[in-house]
Amino acid sequence: MLKRTPLFDLHHAAGARLVDFGGWEMPLHYGSQLEEHQAVRTHCGVFDVSHMRVLDLTGPGSLPFLRTLLANDAGRLLPGQALYSCMLQDDGGVVDDLIVYRRAPADAYRLVVNAATAARDLAWMQRQQALFAALAAPGGATAFALQPQENLALIAVQGPGAARCLAQALPALAAPAQALAPFYAVEVGEVFVARTGYTGEDGFELALPAAQAAQTWRALVDAQAAPCGLGARDTLRLEAGMNLYGSDMDETVSPLESGLGWTVDLRSARAFIGREVLEQQRRDPDLRQLLGLKLLGRGVLRSHQAVDTAFGPGQITSGSVGPTVGTSIALARLPAGVGAGDEVSVQLRSGPAPALVVRPPFVRRGKVLV
């Protein structure tokens, strides 16, 4: 049986088309995916992302553990700051991508992980927690608690009008939310507010008690935030050049093959899971790369389509129509040597079609960049 978020009844009452997403019954759209996409680019949309999981770490061992667990360095975080990172296997494959927040209390961190991988993520972290404790030096700070937060709802408010919608709907959050810089968070009573998102627009993500979710959703809709489903969320993140776990990366590829080298800290001497493999890959002149494609003719780019290049074959990892771009776009894993400005051939159902290689993002803050 599919799991449901605290907002399921509102989605159903609004006539949303509901689909199975990672074992959750979630809204794909509320009538027009295109209108929802455009609402976020031009004003404000609201998404139910309560299927994602929140994990809290507390205790003196939290930071040393995170510095071992993650490819990016959580030690750089200031109180209230957020960091995007991958959690890796020993062979460099991506267990999951996530956001980690340093909370204001000492030795307290919050992780938000993907819905489809949440159970596996937790099991992986628990195994690493046991290894971390067993290998720690005598007297070292290793103790910490890892606690899934099952009674929270997550709501994303995205778009150039997100701050106005949030202020109108939830006046108590207006000033503290507006004061946030991107990738910072603040806790206002029981509500955790972060200036983060998955759309390439300004916006906020709220973690709040599940009992408050329906009232909060209604207030945001009354403030003219358009309810948006997973369909618009996918085309928005693709235009923003943001990876989707299970499509653009997974346990078979590393961040360096997935356009996420910027999230890997290899400058310090810090040891983390998968580092040795990444060090070797960094020196590999034939390492594959993740780049963008813009279709030059008619058709739609889709995942798994073959790409022919002057340097060998590649493959699209995710693709769709880019409503803001005005043509079909994709992310593709391509051979070393391919660069922005090159023309390649994509094998569509109708036959080969030309596409231009570009560097993501395709769109940022409503502006087309390719």
Protein backbone atom coordinates (compact mmCIF):
# COMPACT_ATOMS: atom_id res chain seq x y z
CA MET A 1 0.00 0.00 0.00
CA LEU A 2 1.31 3.44 -0.93
CA LYS A 3 2.26 5.87 1.82
CA ARG A 4 0.54 9.23 2.05
CA THR A 5 1.71 12.61 3.32
CA PRO A 6 -0.26 14.72 5.82
CA LEU A 7 -1.51 16.76 2.83
CA PHE A 8 -2.93 13.85 0.84
CA ASP A 9 -6.59 14.69 1.53
CA LEU A 10 -6.08 18.25 0.25
CA HIS A 11 -4.45 16.98 -2.94
CA HIS A 12 -7.28 14.54 -3.51
CA ALA A 13 -9.95 17.18 -2.86
CA ALA A 14 -8.22 19.55 -5.33
CA GLY A 15 -8.50 16.96 -8.09
CA ALA A 16 -4.78 16.26 -8.37
CA ARG A 17 -3.63 13.43 -10.58
CA LEU A 18 -2.00 11.10 -8.06
CA VAL A 19 0.87 8.76 -8.91
CA ASP A 20 3.24 6.35 -7.21
CA PHE A 21 6.54 8.10 -6.51
CA GLY A 22 9.04 6.08 -4.52
CA GLY A 23 6.25 4.28 -2.67
CA TRP A 24 4.31 7.49 -1.94
CA GLU A 25 0.99 8.54 -3.47
CA MET A 26 1.87 12.03 -4.67
CA PRO A 27 0.32 14.71 -6.94
CA LEU A 28 1.73 14.77 -10.47
CA HIS A 29 -0.25 17.90 -11.35
CA TYR A 30 -3.51 19.65 -10.56
CA GLY A 31 -4.69 20.00 -14.15
CA SER A 32 -1.87 21.68 -16.07
CA GLN A 33 1.78 20.88 -15.48
CA LEU A 34 2.75 23.71 -17.84
CA GLU A 35 0.75 26.31 -15.90
CA GLU A 36 2.30 25.12 -12.64
CA HIS A 37 5.80 25.40 -14.14
CA GLN A 38 5.09 28.92 -15.37
CA ALA A 39 3.59 29.95 -12.03
CA VAL A 40 6.89 29.17 -10.29
CA ARG A 41 8.94 30.99 -12.92
CA THR A 42 6.75 34.11 -12.83
CA HIS A 43 5.24 34.30 -9.34
CA CYS A 44 4.99 31.53 -6.75
CA GLY A 45 4.19 27.86 -6.41
CA VAL A 46 3.82 25.55 -3.42
CA PHE A 47 4.92 21.90 -3.35
CA ASP A 48 4.27 19.08 -0.92
CA VAL A 49 7.67 17.45 -0.38
CA SER A 50 6.74 15.63 2.82
CA HIS A 51 7.75 12.32 1.21
CA MET A 52 11.38 13.34 1.76
CA ARG A 53 12.89 12.31 5.09
CA VAL A 54 14.38 14.41 7.87
CA LEU A 55 17.16 12.91 10.01
CA ASP A 56 18.56 14.76 13.03
CA LEU A 57 22.03 14.22 14.49
CA THR A 58 22.83 15.47 17.98
CA GLY A 59 25.82 15.02 20.24
CA PRO A 60 29.57 15.74 20.22
CA GLY A 61 30.28 13.06 17.62
CA SER A 62 27.88 14.53 15.04
CA LEU A 63 30.37 16.68 13.17
CA PRO A 64 33.29 14.18 13.17
CA PHE A 65 30.86 11.58 11.83
CA LEU A 66 29.52 13.86 9.09
CA ARG A 67 33.06 14.76 8.03
CA THR A 68 33.66 11.04 7.47
CA LEU A 69 30.27 10.28 5.93
CA LEU A 70 29.98 13.07 3.34
CA ALA A 71 32.09 14.05 0.34
CA ASN A 72 31.57 17.74 1.11
CA ASP A 73 32.94 19.15 4.36
CA ALA A 74 30.28 19.84 6.99
CA GLY A 75 33.04 21.37 9.12
CA ARG A 76 32.71 24.54 7.04
CA LEU A 77 29.15 25.13 8.17
CA LEU A 78 28.29 28.16 10.27
CA PRO A 79 25.27 28.01 12.62
CA GLY A 80 22.16 28.11 10.45
CA GLN A 81 24.03 27.35 7.23
CA ALA A 82 23.22 24.55 4.75
CA LEU A 83 25.46 22.41 2.57
CA TYR A 84 24.67 20.17 -0.41
CA SER A 85 26.63 16.92 -0.54
CA CYS A 86 26.71 13.34 -1.72
CA MET A 87 26.97 10.37 0.61
CA LEU A 88 29.23 7.79 -1.03
CA GLN A 89 30.02 4.09 -1.02
CA ASP A 90 33.59 2.90 -0.63
CA ASP A 91 33.82 2.63 -4.44
CA GLY A 92 32.75 6.25 -4.92
CA GLY A 93 29.19 5.43 -6.04
CA VAL A 94 26.50 7.78 -4.76
CA VAL A 95 24.33 6.36 -1.97
CA ASP A 96 22.25 9.56 -2.04
CA ASP A 97 22.49 13.31 -2.42
CA LEU A 98 21.24 15.40 0.48
CA ILE A 99 21.26 18.73 2.27
CA VAL A 100 22.78 19.05 5.73
CA TYR A 101 22.01 22.00 8.02
CA ARG A 102 23.98 23.07 11.05
CA ARG A 103 21.42 24.02 13.67
CA ALA A 104 21.93 26.77 16.21
CA PRO A 105 22.29 24.45 19.24
CA ALA A 106 25.80 23.07 19.65
CA ASP A 107 26.49 19.67 18.05
CA ALA A 108 23.13 19.55 16.25
CA TYR A 109 22.65 18.88 12.52
CA ARG A 110 19.68 18.17 10.28
CA LEU A 111 19.79 16.11 7.07
CA VAL A 112 17.08 15.96 4.40
CA VAL A 113 17.33 12.88 2.17
CA ASN A 114 15.40 11.59 -0.83
CA ALA A 115 12.15 9.69 -0.39
CA ALA A 116 12.94 6.61 -2.47
CA THR A 117 16.28 6.06 -0.74
CA ALA A 118 15.35 7.08 2.81
CA ALA A 119 15.23 3.58 4.34
CA ARG A 120 18.47 2.57 2.63
CA ASP A 121 20.12 5.86 3.66
CA LEU A 122 19.21 5.34 7.29
CA ALA A 123 20.49 1.75 7.26
CA TRP A 124 23.75 2.89 5.62
CA MET A 125 24.23 5.65 8.17
CA GLN A 126 23.56 3.29 11.05
CA ARG A 127 26.19 0.86 9.72
CA GLN A 128 28.69 3.69 9.34
CA GLN A 129 27.81 4.92 12.83
CA ALA A 130 28.76 1.53 14.27
CA LEU A 131 32.06 1.49 12.31
CA PHE A 132 32.80 5.06 13.34
CA ALA A 133 32.41 4.20 17.02
CA ALA A 134 34.50 1.02 16.69
CA LEU A 135 37.39 2.80 14.95
CA ALA A 136 37.43 5.93 17.10
CA ALA A 137 40.50 6.76 19.15
CA PRO A 138 40.13 6.27 22.92
CA GLY A 139 38.67 9.37 24.50
CA GLY A 140 37.50 10.78 21.16
CA ALA A 141 34.16 12.52 20.73
CA THR A 142 32.14 9.79 19.01
CA ALA A 143 28.78 9.76 20.78
CA PHE A 144 25.78 11.08 18.86
CA ALA A 145 22.14 10.22 18.31
CA LEU A 146 20.67 9.65 14.84
CA GLN A 147 16.95 10.29 14.95
CA PRO A 148 14.48 10.10 12.00
CA GLN A 149 11.76 12.72 12.35
CA GLU A 150 8.59 10.94 11.30
CA ASN A 151 6.10 13.58 12.43
CA LEU A 152 7.23 16.46 10.24
CA ALA A 153 5.71 17.76 7.01
CA LEU A 154 7.82 19.48 4.37
CA ILE A 155 6.43 22.26 2.18
CA ALA A 156 8.39 24.16 -0.50
CA VAL A 157 7.40 27.70 -1.52
CA GLN A 158 9.22 28.63 -4.74
CA GLY A 159 9.34 31.51 -7.20
CA PRO A 160 10.19 35.23 -7.44
CA GLY A 161 7.13 35.97 -5.32
CA ALA A 162 7.88 33.34 -2.68
CA ALA A 163 8.87 35.84 0.02
CA ARG A 164 5.67 37.84 -0.50
CA CYS A 165 3.47 34.74 -0.44
CA LEU A 166 5.15 33.45 2.70
CA ALA A 167 4.82 36.82 4.45
CA GLN A 168 1.12 37.08 3.61
CA ALA A 169 0.34 33.48 4.57
CA LEU A 170 2.52 33.24 7.69
CA PRO A 171 3.25 36.74 9.04
CA ALA A 172 5.28 35.40 11.98
CA LEU A 173 7.80 34.00 9.49
CA ALA A 174 8.03 37.10 7.30
CA ALA A 175 10.94 38.95 8.92
CA PRO A 176 13.14 35.96 9.86
CA ALA A 177 12.61 34.29 6.47
CA GLN A 178 13.29 37.46 4.48
CA ALA A 179 16.52 38.00 6.43
CA LEU A 180 17.90 34.62 5.35
CA ALA A 181 20.66 34.46 2.75
CA PRO A 182 20.44 31.57 0.26
CA PHE A 183 21.36 28.23 1.86
CA TYR A 184 20.70 29.42 5.39
CA ALA A 185 17.95 28.35 7.79
CA VAL A 186 16.29 29.62 10.93
CA GLU A 187 13.95 28.04 13.46
CA VAL A 188 10.87 30.03 14.41
CA GLY A 189 9.02 28.19 17.14
CA GLU A 190 8.26 24.73 15.75
CA VAL A 191 8.90 25.72 12.13
CA PHE A 192 12.29 25.17 10.47
CA VAL A 193 12.61 27.63 7.55
CA ALA A 194 15.38 27.26 4.95
CA ARG A 195 16.08 29.47 1.94
CA THR A 196 16.65 26.51 -0.34
CA GLY A 197 14.81 24.80 -3.18
CA TYR A 198 14.89 22.63 -6.28
CA THR A 199 13.63 25.00 -8.98
CA GLY A 200 16.34 27.54 -9.77
CA GLU A 201 14.19 30.30 -8.27
CA ASP A 202 14.15 32.07 -4.94
CA GLY A 203 12.20 30.18 -2.34
CA PHE A 204 11.85 28.54 1.03
CA GLU A 205 11.45 25.03 2.38
CA LEU A 206 9.49 24.60 5.60
CA ALA A 207 9.72 21.67 8.01
CA LEU A 208 6.85 21.82 10.49
CA PRO A 209 4.72 19.52 12.65
CA ALA A 210 2.45 17.37 10.50
CA ALA A 211 -0.59 18.64 12.40
CA GLN A 212 0.10 22.16 11.07
CA ALA A 213 0.58 21.14 7.44
CA ALA A 214 -2.98 21.47 6.11
CA GLN A 215 -3.54 24.89 7.68
CA THR A 216 -0.21 26.12 6.34
CA TRP A 217 -0.93 24.80 2.83
CA ARG A 218 -4.33 26.50 2.74
CA ALA A 219 -2.83 29.79 3.90
CA LEU A 220 -0.20 29.69 1.15
CA VAL A 221 -2.79 28.90 -1.52
CA ASP A 222 -4.97 31.76 -0.21
CA ALA A 223 -1.87 33.98 -0.62
CA GLN A 224 -1.86 33.09 -4.36
CA ALA A 225 0.78 30.37 -4.28
CA ALA A 226 -0.19 27.89 -7.02
CA PRO A 227 -0.35 24.23 -5.92
CA CYS A 228 2.26 22.37 -7.95
CA GLY A 229 2.96 18.68 -8.46
CA LEU A 230 5.91 16.46 -9.24
CA GLY A 231 5.65 17.08 -12.97
CA ALA A 232 6.44 20.79 -12.71
CA ARG A 233 9.01 20.08 -10.03
CA ASP A 234 10.88 17.87 -12.51
CA THR A 235 10.88 20.31 -15.44
CA LEU A 236 11.86 23.17 -13.13
CA ARG A 237 14.81 21.28 -11.64
CA LEU A 238 15.91 20.11 -15.11
CA GLU A 239 15.95 23.69 -16.41
CA ALA A 240 17.92 24.61 -13.29
CA GLY A 241 20.46 21.88 -14.12
CA MET A 242 19.85 20.03 -10.86
CA ASN A 243 20.45 16.29 -10.65
CA LEU A 244 17.75 13.75 -9.89
CA TYR A 245 18.87 10.74 -7.88
CA GLY A 246 18.26 7.49 -9.73
CA SER A 247 18.47 9.23 -13.12
CA ASP A 248 21.50 11.51 -13.26
CA MET A 249 23.40 9.69 -10.51
CA ASP A 250 23.16 6.54 -8.46
CA GLU A 251 25.35 3.97 -6.75
CA THR A 252 27.06 3.07 -10.05
CA VAL A 253 28.58 6.51 -10.72
CA SER A 254 30.57 9.04 -8.71
CA PRO A 255 29.93 12.76 -8.21
CA LEU A 256 32.84 13.50 -10.54
CA GLU A 257 30.97 11.73 -13.37
CA SER A 258 27.73 13.50 -12.47
CA GLY A 259 28.57 17.20 -12.71
CA LEU A 260 28.96 17.38 -8.94
CA GLY A 261 32.70 17.84 -8.58
CA TRP A 262 31.97 21.17 -6.93
CA THR A 263 30.37 19.30 -4.02
CA VAL A 264 33.47 17.20 -3.33
CA ASP A 265 36.11 18.52 -0.92
CA LEU A 266 39.51 17.16 -1.94
CA ARG A 267 41.50 20.20 -0.86
CA SER A 268 41.79 19.27 2.80
CA ALA A 269 43.41 16.10 4.18
CA ARG A 270 40.05 14.97 5.59
CA ALA A 271 39.38 11.26 5.13
CA PHE A 272 35.85 10.43 3.95
CA ILE A 273 34.16 7.37 2.51
CA GLY A 274 35.02 6.97 -1.17
CA ARG A 275 37.84 9.54 -1.20
CA GLU A 276 40.56 7.22 -2.53
CA VAL A 277 38.49 6.32 -5.59
CA LEU A 278 37.67 9.95 -6.31
CA GLU A 279 41.35 10.88 -6.07
CA GLN A 280 42.08 8.26 -8.75
CA GLN A 281 39.17 9.39 -10.94
CA ARG A 282 40.29 12.99 -10.77
CA ARG A 283 43.49 11.99 -12.59
CA ASP A 284 41.67 9.95 -15.24
CA PRO A 285 41.73 11.79 -18.61
CA ASP A 286 38.91 9.56 -19.90
CA LEU A 287 36.45 10.18 -17.07
CA ARG A 288 32.90 10.71 -18.30
CA GLN A 289 31.14 14.01 -17.63
CA LEU A 290 27.56 15.26 -17.19
CA LEU A 291 26.63 18.09 -19.54
CA GLY A 292 23.47 19.65 -20.94
CA LEU A 293 21.85 19.16 -24.33
CA LYS A 294 19.54 21.52 -26.20
CA LEU A 295 17.61 19.93 -29.06
CA LEU A 296 18.05 21.87 -32.32
CA GLY A 297 15.00 20.44 -34.08
CA ARG A 298 11.65 18.90 -33.29
CA GLY A 299 11.16 16.07 -30.84
CA VAL A 300 11.62 15.36 -27.14
CA LEU A 301 14.79 14.27 -25.38
CA ARG A 302 14.22 11.41 -22.91
CA SER A 303 16.30 9.43 -20.46
CA HIS A 304 18.29 6.47 -21.85
CA GLN A 305 18.41 7.84 -25.41
CA ALA A 306 21.79 7.23 -27.07
CA VAL A 307 24.02 10.19 -27.92
CA ASP A 308 26.62 9.98 -30.69
CA THR A 309 29.62 12.31 -30.31
CA ALA A 310 32.98 12.77 -32.03
CA PHE A 311 34.59 11.18 -28.94
CA GLY A 312 32.36 8.15 -28.64
CA PRO A 313 28.89 7.24 -27.34
CA GLY A 314 27.02 8.87 -24.49
CA GLN A 315 23.55 8.62 -22.98
CA ILE A 316 20.85 10.98 -21.78
CA THR A 317 20.23 10.61 -18.06
CA SER A 318 17.13 12.83 -17.87
CA GLY A 319 15.30 14.91 -20.43
CA SER A 320 12.03 16.66 -21.15
CA VAL A 321 10.56 19.75 -22.73
CA GLY A 322 11.97 22.89 -21.11
CA PRO A 323 8.94 25.22 -21.07
CA THR A 324 10.99 28.32 -20.25
CA VAL A 325 13.74 27.42 -22.74
CA GLY A 326 11.20 26.77 -25.48
CA THR A 327 12.63 23.48 -26.69
CA SER A 328 13.56 20.05 -25.37
CA ILE A 329 16.55 19.85 -23.03
CA ALA A 330 18.44 17.11 -21.24
CA LEU A 331 21.31 16.14 -19.01
CA ALA A 332 23.61 13.56 -20.56
CA ARG A 333 26.65 11.56 -19.49
CA LEU A 334 29.17 12.12 -22.28
CA PRO A 335 32.73 11.08 -23.06
CA ALA A 336 35.73 13.18 -22.06
CA GLY A 337 36.62 15.60 -24.84
CA VAL A 338 33.06 16.72 -25.56
CA GLY A 339 32.59 20.38 -24.69
CA ALA A 340 30.00 23.15 -24.67
CA GLY A 341 29.29 24.36 -28.19
CA ASP A 342 29.76 20.93 -29.80
CA GLU A 343 26.98 19.47 -31.89
CA VAL A 344 26.00 15.85 -31.22
CA SER A 345 23.37 13.46 -32.53
CA VAL A 346 20.64 11.98 -30.32
CA GLN A 347 18.76 8.84 -31.30
CA LEU A 348 15.08 9.78 -30.96
CA ARG A 349 12.23 7.38 -31.69
CA SER A 350 11.85 9.10 -35.06
CA GLY A 351 15.57 8.83 -35.86
CA PRO A 352 18.75 10.81 -35.22
CA ALA A 353 18.39 14.48 -34.34
CA PRO A 354 21.00 17.23 -33.78
CA ALA A 355 21.53 18.73 -30.33
CA LEU A 356 23.85 21.40 -28.96
CA VAL A 357 26.04 20.66 -25.94
CA VAL A 358 25.69 23.33 -23.22
CA ARG A 359 26.73 23.82 -19.64
CA PRO A 360 23.82 23.76 -17.17
CA PRO A 361 21.90 25.51 -15.80
CA PHE A 362 19.57 26.22 -18.69
CA VAL A 363 17.57 28.74 -16.63
CA ARG A 364 18.42 30.70 -13.50
CA ARG A 365 16.01 33.05 -11.72
CA GLY A 366 13.71 33.08 -14.76
CA LYS A 367 16.46 33.98 -17.24
CA VAL A 368 17.29 31.59 -20.09
CA LEU A 369 21.07 31.05 -20.22
CA VAL A 370 21.44 28.77 -23.27
